[in-house]
Amino acid sequence: MKIPKEFEVFLAVMSGFHLMLSGYIVGLITLLIPSRFQRRRRKDISGQIVLVTGAGNGIGRLLAVEFSKLRAIVVLIDINKNGMNETKNLMNPLAKAFVYECDVSNRQKVYEVAKRIRAEVGKVDILVNNAGIVNGKRFLELSDDSIERIMQINTMAHFW
């Protein structure tokens, strides 16, 4: 059965009206619901000091770049200075960034760099303990030194 052209136009107008009406209803309900029940906005971190370990590549690099877009003061820590400089070049040029080379498995070095950061940048507001290493070998194929290094960085470094 063929639908008359006028009826097709009527259906198109009514579906548009339905979409418009449902949009108004959703907007009205959103206005009436108390803000404590609504989805919260992102925390404003502009001007806060964010320290990201493992910022030389991977997830640490991506996090540092995103924090810079939010206008945070970003402190980059990694053992790979070239990687951190690449990360800094990818960051928002309007955001402040500080680069510190540090092996997070070396407790004394971490304490020294932390002291420098506090003196040169300020008290850290947000810490992203991201540094870590992955070895593609099976556990039984790893050397004792590799196992120790993995444990120092992936586990122990989070405590200092």
C-alpha atoms as a PDB file:
ATOM      1  CA  MET A   1       0.000   0.000   0.000  1.00  0.00           C
ATOM      2  CA  LYS A   2       1.334   3.398  -0.999  1.00  0.00           C
ATOM      3  CA  ILE A   3       1.401   6.161   1.653  1.00  0.00           C
ATOM      4  CA  PRO A   4       0.211   9.547   0.376  1.00  0.00           C
ATOM      5  CA  LYS A   5       2.908  12.232   0.099  1.00  0.00           C
ATOM      6  CA  GLU A   6       1.013  14.580   2.463  1.00  0.00           C
ATOM      7  CA  PHE A   7       0.959  11.881   5.154  1.00  0.00           C
ATOM      8  CA  GLU A   8       4.765  11.376   4.838  1.00  0.00           C
ATOM      9  CA  VAL A   9       5.265  15.110   5.382  1.00  0.00           C
ATOM     10  CA  PHE A  10       2.919  14.991   8.388  1.00  0.00           C
ATOM     11  CA  LEU A  11       4.903  12.061   9.899  1.00  0.00           C
ATOM     12  CA  ALA A  12       8.207  13.886   9.380  1.00  0.00           C
ATOM     13  CA  VAL A  13       6.860  17.030  11.072  1.00  0.00           C
ATOM     14  CA  MET A  14       5.432  15.018  13.982  1.00  0.00           C
ATOM     15  CA  SER A  15       8.695  13.110  14.546  1.00  0.00           C
ATOM     16  CA  GLY A  16      10.594  16.417  14.596  1.00  0.00           C
ATOM     17  CA  PHE A  17       8.045  17.823  17.043  1.00  0.00           C
ATOM     18  CA  HIS A  18       8.455  14.687  19.198  1.00  0.00           C
ATOM     19  CA  LEU A  19      12.243  15.129  19.319  1.00  0.00           C
ATOM     20  CA  MET A  20      11.900  18.808  20.191  1.00  0.00           C
ATOM     21  CA  LEU A  21       9.342  18.100  22.935  1.00  0.00           C
ATOM     22  CA  SER A  22      11.452  15.316  24.469  1.00  0.00           C
ATOM     23  CA  GLY A  23      14.480  17.662  24.499  1.00  0.00           C
ATOM     24  CA  TYR A  24      12.475  20.288  26.382  1.00  0.00           C
ATOM     25  CA  ILE A  25      11.260  17.694  28.898  1.00  0.00           C
ATOM     26  CA  VAL A  26      14.804  16.430  29.565  1.00  0.00           C
ATOM     27  CA  GLY A  27      16.002  20.015  30.000  1.00  0.00           C
ATOM     28  CA  LEU A  28      13.173  20.806  32.423  1.00  0.00           C
ATOM     29  CA  ILE A  29      13.838  17.693  34.495  1.00  0.00           C
ATOM     30  CA  THR A  30      17.563  18.523  34.621  1.00  0.00           C
ATOM     31  CA  LEU A  31      16.754  21.997  35.938  1.00  0.00           C
ATOM     32  CA  LEU A  32      14.476  20.617  38.641  1.00  0.00           C
ATOM     33  CA  ILE A  33      16.843  17.915  39.953  1.00  0.00           C
ATOM     34  CA  PRO A  34      19.075  19.211  42.779  1.00  0.00           C
ATOM     35  CA  SER A  35      22.716  19.540  41.729  1.00  0.00           C
ATOM     36  CA  ARG A  36      23.892  17.010  44.308  1.00  0.00           C
ATOM     37  CA  PHE A  37      22.197  14.277  42.253  1.00  0.00           C
ATOM     38  CA  GLN A  38      23.567  15.402  38.916  1.00  0.00           C
ATOM     39  CA  ARG A  39      26.841  14.358  37.340  1.00  0.00           C
ATOM     40  CA  ARG A  40      29.639  16.401  38.840  1.00  0.00           C
ATOM     41  CA  ARG A  41      31.921  18.607  36.839  1.00  0.00           C
ATOM     42  CA  ARG A  42      35.633  17.951  36.655  1.00  0.00           C
ATOM     43  CA  LYS A  43      37.735  19.307  39.447  1.00  0.00           C
ATOM     44  CA  ASP A  44      39.552  22.496  38.454  1.00  0.00           C
ATOM     45  CA  ILE A  45      43.263  21.745  38.780  1.00  0.00           C
ATOM     46  CA  SER A  46      44.618  24.824  37.034  1.00  0.00           C
ATOM     47  CA  GLY A  47      47.635  26.091  38.945  1.00  0.00           C
ATOM     48  CA  GLN A  48      47.940  22.917  41.020  1.00  0.00           C
ATOM     49  CA  ILE A  49      51.224  21.023  40.997  1.00  0.00           C
ATOM     50  CA  VAL A  50      50.907  17.554  39.456  1.00  0.00           C
ATOM     51  CA  LEU A  51      53.871  15.179  39.627  1.00  0.00           C
ATOM     52  CA  VAL A  52      53.887  12.329  37.079  1.00  0.00           C
ATOM     53  CA  THR A  53      56.465   9.549  37.372  1.00  0.00           C
ATOM     54  CA  GLY A  54      57.285   7.571  34.247  1.00  0.00           C
ATOM     55  CA  ALA A  55      56.504  10.646  32.140  1.00  0.00           C
ATOM     56  CA  GLY A  56      59.071   9.820  29.449  1.00  0.00           C
ATOM     57  CA  ASN A  57      56.661   7.725  27.391  1.00  0.00           C
ATOM     58  CA  GLY A  58      53.454   5.697  27.381  1.00  0.00           C
ATOM     59  CA  ILE A  59      50.666   6.405  29.842  1.00  0.00           C
ATOM     60  CA  GLY A  60      52.820   8.818  31.847  1.00  0.00           C
ATOM     61  CA  ARG A  61      53.391  10.932  28.738  1.00  0.00           C
ATOM     62  CA  LEU A  62      49.679  10.945  27.882  1.00  0.00           C
ATOM     63  CA  LEU A  63      48.711  11.909  31.437  1.00  0.00           C
ATOM     64  CA  ALA A  64      51.252  14.740  31.521  1.00  0.00           C
ATOM     65  CA  VAL A  65      49.933  16.115  28.229  1.00  0.00           C
ATOM     66  CA  GLU A  66      46.322  15.939  29.482  1.00  0.00           C
ATOM     67  CA  PHE A  67      47.214  17.643  32.784  1.00  0.00           C
ATOM     68  CA  SER A  68      48.926  20.419  30.823  1.00  0.00           C
ATOM     69  CA  LYS A  69      45.707  20.966  28.848  1.00  0.00           C
ATOM     70  CA  LEU A  70      43.987  21.528  32.201  1.00  0.00           C
ATOM     71  CA  ARG A  71      46.600  24.235  32.949  1.00  0.00           C
ATOM     72  CA  ALA A  72      48.201  22.359  35.831  1.00  0.00           C
ATOM     73  CA  ILE A  73      51.854  22.856  36.729  1.00  0.00           C
ATOM     74  CA  VAL A  74      53.284  19.509  35.624  1.00  0.00           C
ATOM     75  CA  VAL A  75      56.425  17.967  37.111  1.00  0.00           C
ATOM     76  CA  LEU A  76      57.853  15.203  34.922  1.00  0.00           C
ATOM     77  CA  ILE A  77      59.988  12.469  36.464  1.00  0.00           C
ATOM     78  CA  ASP A  78      61.624   9.651  34.550  1.00  0.00           C
ATOM     79  CA  ILE A  79      64.986   8.002  34.080  1.00  0.00           C
ATOM     80  CA  ASN A  80      64.776   8.882  30.354  1.00  0.00           C
ATOM     81  CA  LYS A  81      65.598  12.590  30.019  1.00  0.00           C
ATOM     82  CA  ASN A  82      65.155  12.620  26.212  1.00  0.00           C
ATOM     83  CA  GLY A  83      61.712  11.063  26.558  1.00  0.00           C
ATOM     84  CA  MET A  84      60.707  13.687  29.118  1.00  0.00           C
ATOM     85  CA  ASN A  85      61.865  16.481  26.816  1.00  0.00           C
ATOM     86  CA  GLU A  86      59.721  14.982  24.040  1.00  0.00           C
ATOM     87  CA  THR A  87      56.794  14.881  26.468  1.00  0.00           C
ATOM     88  CA  LYS A  88      57.391  18.503  27.424  1.00  0.00           C
ATOM     89  CA  ASN A  89      57.360  19.487  23.737  1.00  0.00           C
ATOM     90  CA  LEU A  90      53.962  17.794  23.308  1.00  0.00           C
ATOM     91  CA  MET A  91      52.453  19.633  26.269  1.00  0.00           C
ATOM     92  CA  ASN A  92      50.333  22.777  26.200  1.00  0.00           C
ATOM     93  CA  PRO A  93      52.825  25.641  25.795  1.00  0.00           C
ATOM     94  CA  LEU A  94      50.777  27.760  28.212  1.00  0.00           C
ATOM     95  CA  ALA A  95      51.261  25.238  31.030  1.00  0.00           C
ATOM     96  CA  LYS A  96      54.359  25.231  33.214  1.00  0.00           C
ATOM     97  CA  ALA A  97      56.425  22.050  33.081  1.00  0.00           C
ATOM     98  CA  PHE A  98      59.477  20.961  35.046  1.00  0.00           C
ATOM     99  CA  VAL A  99      61.722  18.033  34.109  1.00  0.00           C
ATOM    100  CA  TYR A 100      63.634  15.975  36.693  1.00  0.00           C
ATOM    101  CA  GLU A 101      65.686  12.917  35.834  1.00  0.00           C
ATOM    102  CA  CYS A 102      65.327  10.321  38.572  1.00  0.00           C
ATOM    103  CA  ASP A 103      65.540   6.549  38.977  1.00  0.00           C
ATOM    104  CA  VAL A 104      62.550   5.877  41.242  1.00  0.00           C
ATOM    105  CA  SER A 105      64.052   2.578  42.400  1.00  0.00           C
ATOM    106  CA  ASN A 106      66.860   4.524  44.122  1.00  0.00           C
ATOM    107  CA  ARG A 107      65.391   5.719  47.416  1.00  0.00           C
ATOM    108  CA  GLN A 108      68.121   8.290  48.134  1.00  0.00           C
ATOM    109  CA  LYS A 109      67.806   9.778  44.646  1.00  0.00           C
ATOM    110  CA  VAL A 110      64.021  10.044  45.092  1.00  0.00           C
ATOM    111  CA  TYR A 111      64.495  11.895  48.396  1.00  0.00           C
ATOM    112  CA  GLU A 112      67.009  14.294  46.796  1.00  0.00           C
ATOM    113  CA  VAL A 113      64.779  15.047  43.802  1.00  0.00           C
ATOM    114  CA  ALA A 114      61.728  15.458  46.060  1.00  0.00           C
ATOM    115  CA  LYS A 115      63.630  18.029  48.112  1.00  0.00           C
ATOM    116  CA  ARG A 116      64.634  19.916  44.941  1.00  0.00           C
ATOM    117  CA  ILE A 117      61.069  19.873  43.621  1.00  0.00           C
ATOM    118  CA  ARG A 118      59.678  21.231  46.866  1.00  0.00           C
ATOM    119  CA  ALA A 119      62.263  24.043  46.840  1.00  0.00           C
ATOM    120  CA  GLU A 120      62.054  24.884  43.118  1.00  0.00           C
ATOM    121  CA  VAL A 121      58.386  24.208  42.281  1.00  0.00           C
ATOM    122  CA  GLY A 122      56.468  23.912  45.541  1.00  0.00           C
ATOM    123  CA  LYS A 123      54.383  21.368  47.429  1.00  0.00           C
ATOM    124  CA  VAL A 124      52.919  18.689  45.150  1.00  0.00           C
ATOM    125  CA  ASP A 125      49.109  18.614  45.105  1.00  0.00           C
ATOM    126  CA  ILE A 126      48.550  15.542  42.925  1.00  0.00           C
ATOM    127  CA  LEU A 127      50.881  12.553  42.587  1.00  0.00           C
ATOM    128  CA  VAL A 128      50.550  10.109  39.697  1.00  0.00           C
ATOM    129  CA  ASN A 129      52.796   7.169  40.606  1.00  0.00           C
ATOM    130  CA  ASN A 130      52.953   5.790  37.080  1.00  0.00           C
ATOM    131  CA  ALA A 131      56.558   4.606  36.682  1.00  0.00           C
ATOM    132  CA  GLY A 132      56.818   0.922  35.955  1.00  0.00           C
ATOM    133  CA  ILE A 133      58.573  -1.599  33.771  1.00  0.00           C
ATOM    134  CA  VAL A 134      57.321  -4.648  31.932  1.00  0.00           C
ATOM    135  CA  ASN A 135      59.489  -7.502  30.768  1.00  0.00           C
ATOM    136  CA  GLY A 136      58.061  -9.666  27.997  1.00  0.00           C
ATOM    137  CA  LYS A 137      59.808 -12.797  29.237  1.00  0.00           C
ATOM    138  CA  ARG A 138      58.232 -15.584  31.245  1.00  0.00           C
ATOM    139  CA  PHE A 139      58.890 -15.416  34.970  1.00  0.00           C
ATOM    140  CA  LEU A 140      61.218 -18.432  35.001  1.00  0.00           C
ATOM    141  CA  GLU A 141      63.273 -16.916  32.160  1.00  0.00           C
ATOM    142  CA  LEU A 142      64.045 -13.720  34.104  1.00  0.00           C
ATOM    143  CA  SER A 143      67.406 -13.224  35.761  1.00  0.00           C
ATOM    144  CA  ASP A 144      67.594 -12.489  39.462  1.00  0.00           C
ATOM    145  CA  ASP A 145      68.677  -8.920  38.700  1.00  0.00           C
ATOM    146  CA  SER A 146      65.678  -8.403  36.398  1.00  0.00           C
ATOM    147  CA  ILE A 147      63.274  -9.654  39.054  1.00  0.00           C
ATOM    148  CA  GLU A 148      64.832  -7.347  41.657  1.00  0.00           C
ATOM    149  CA  ARG A 149      64.651  -4.352  39.298  1.00  0.00           C
ATOM    150  CA  ILE A 150      61.000  -5.045  38.443  1.00  0.00           C
ATOM    151  CA  MET A 151      60.086  -5.329  42.133  1.00  0.00           C
ATOM    152  CA  GLN A 152      62.020  -2.170  43.048  1.00  0.00           C
ATOM    153  CA  ILE A 153      60.292  -0.059  40.408  1.00  0.00           C
ATOM    154  CA  ASN A 154      56.817  -1.595  40.223  1.00  0.00           C
ATOM    155  CA  THR A 155      56.336  -2.197  43.946  1.00  0.00           C
ATOM    156  CA  MET A 156      58.857  -0.590  46.283  1.00  0.00           C
ATOM    157  CA  ALA A 157      59.168   2.776  44.491  1.00  0.00           C
ATOM    158  CA  HIS A 158      55.573   3.623  45.430  1.00  0.00           C
ATOM    159  CA  PHE A 159      56.590   3.903  49.073  1.00  0.00           C
ATOM    160  CA  TRP A 160      59.176   6.657  48.682  1.00  0.00           C
END
